[in-house]
Amino acid sequence: MPSFQSRLIRFVIKHRHLLRFQLKKKDVFDFNTSIAGFREDCEKGAGMFGKLPETIEVTPVNICHIKAEWIVPKGVGKDKVVFYTHGGGYVSGSCSDHRGLVSRIVKAVNIPALLFEYRLAPEVPFPGAIEDSVEAYKWVLSQGVSPSNIVIIGESAGGGLALATLLALKEKGIELPSAAVAVSPWTDLKCTGESYRTKNDVSVAPLNSWTVFSKYYACDNDPGNPLISPLYGDLHGLPPLLLQAGEDDELFDDSVQFAEKAGDAGVDVTFRKGKGMLHCYAFLPAFVPESREAMEEILTFIKEHIGKVKSPDSLERA
């Protein structure tokens, strides 16, 4: 049974409309919904992560047209990197609204992170995000960082982008990072999983949001393109993966199906189901036991895999 703390958080999120003195119980997205307003709400929500720790330094950097920033523990070099692809349905997300979240990871593992802002839909649909992610990864390599010293992490759409980036790198013959973490990843923009229909009542996401976001990002492209929906890609040769997903989330089946397909392809994949948990529950406040446990699993996974040299057999398979 979910903890009292997680049930309390769920209640607050699900009934946040009452704080705005609104009677409706669930937001509904359509193509008239303001994306600018959605982005503003995401920026405001970043406050839940609190102030940056004093031990963390943030340094802006420009990678061609891409705005990015290093989030670095004081006194630590950049020979190892957490490469972070932020979420936001491919229509929102920024360094400012993810800085607090990423700094939690950085502080805990004592490894710098590169956080970057890929171009967003609907202004820039596919392939904008994946092109920017590959460009940012190549830039990290150009700074002298070994792929074996990189772990790529993303949540939600950013989790899907992290997995799609692996496929794009493999396609281009660029050496893959040592491992990847995808938290509640969006792997199927065709939205075929049963959870898109069965989890509406328990999910806290606005109704139909994923359908709207998918259309904005895929635009006139086939949403089944593996670089849009990594579920449909050739997963052979991918590095070790950690996937986490709350079962009370429309995207739950995206993780289940991707983990199963990755396992069938011989990938070292760990899938953790959050029973009764929400979307991206690992990033809920630390007083939630399930969140604390999921975050500890992520941190342990990073420490175990970053800097781990691949065996000749694994390189040959990739």
Foldseek 3Di string as FASTA:
>chain_A
DFDPVQVVVLVCLQCVVVVVVDDDRFAADDPVDDLVVLQVVLLVVLCQLPDQDPQWDWAWDDQPPKTKIKIAGPPDDQLAEAEEQEDDLLAYDACNSCVSVVSVLCVLQRHMYMGIDFDGWLVDAPPRRLVVSLSVVVVSVVVVHDLQRYEYEYEACRLLQSLLNLVVCVVVVHDHHQEYEYFLYQQQLVLPDPLLPVLPVSASHHNCPSVNSSCSHCPPHDCLPCSNRVLNDLLWLHHEYEYEYESNESSVVSQVSSQVNNVVNVYNYHYHYRYSHYGRLLSRDCVRPSVVVVVVVVSVVSNVRRPDDDDPVSVVRD
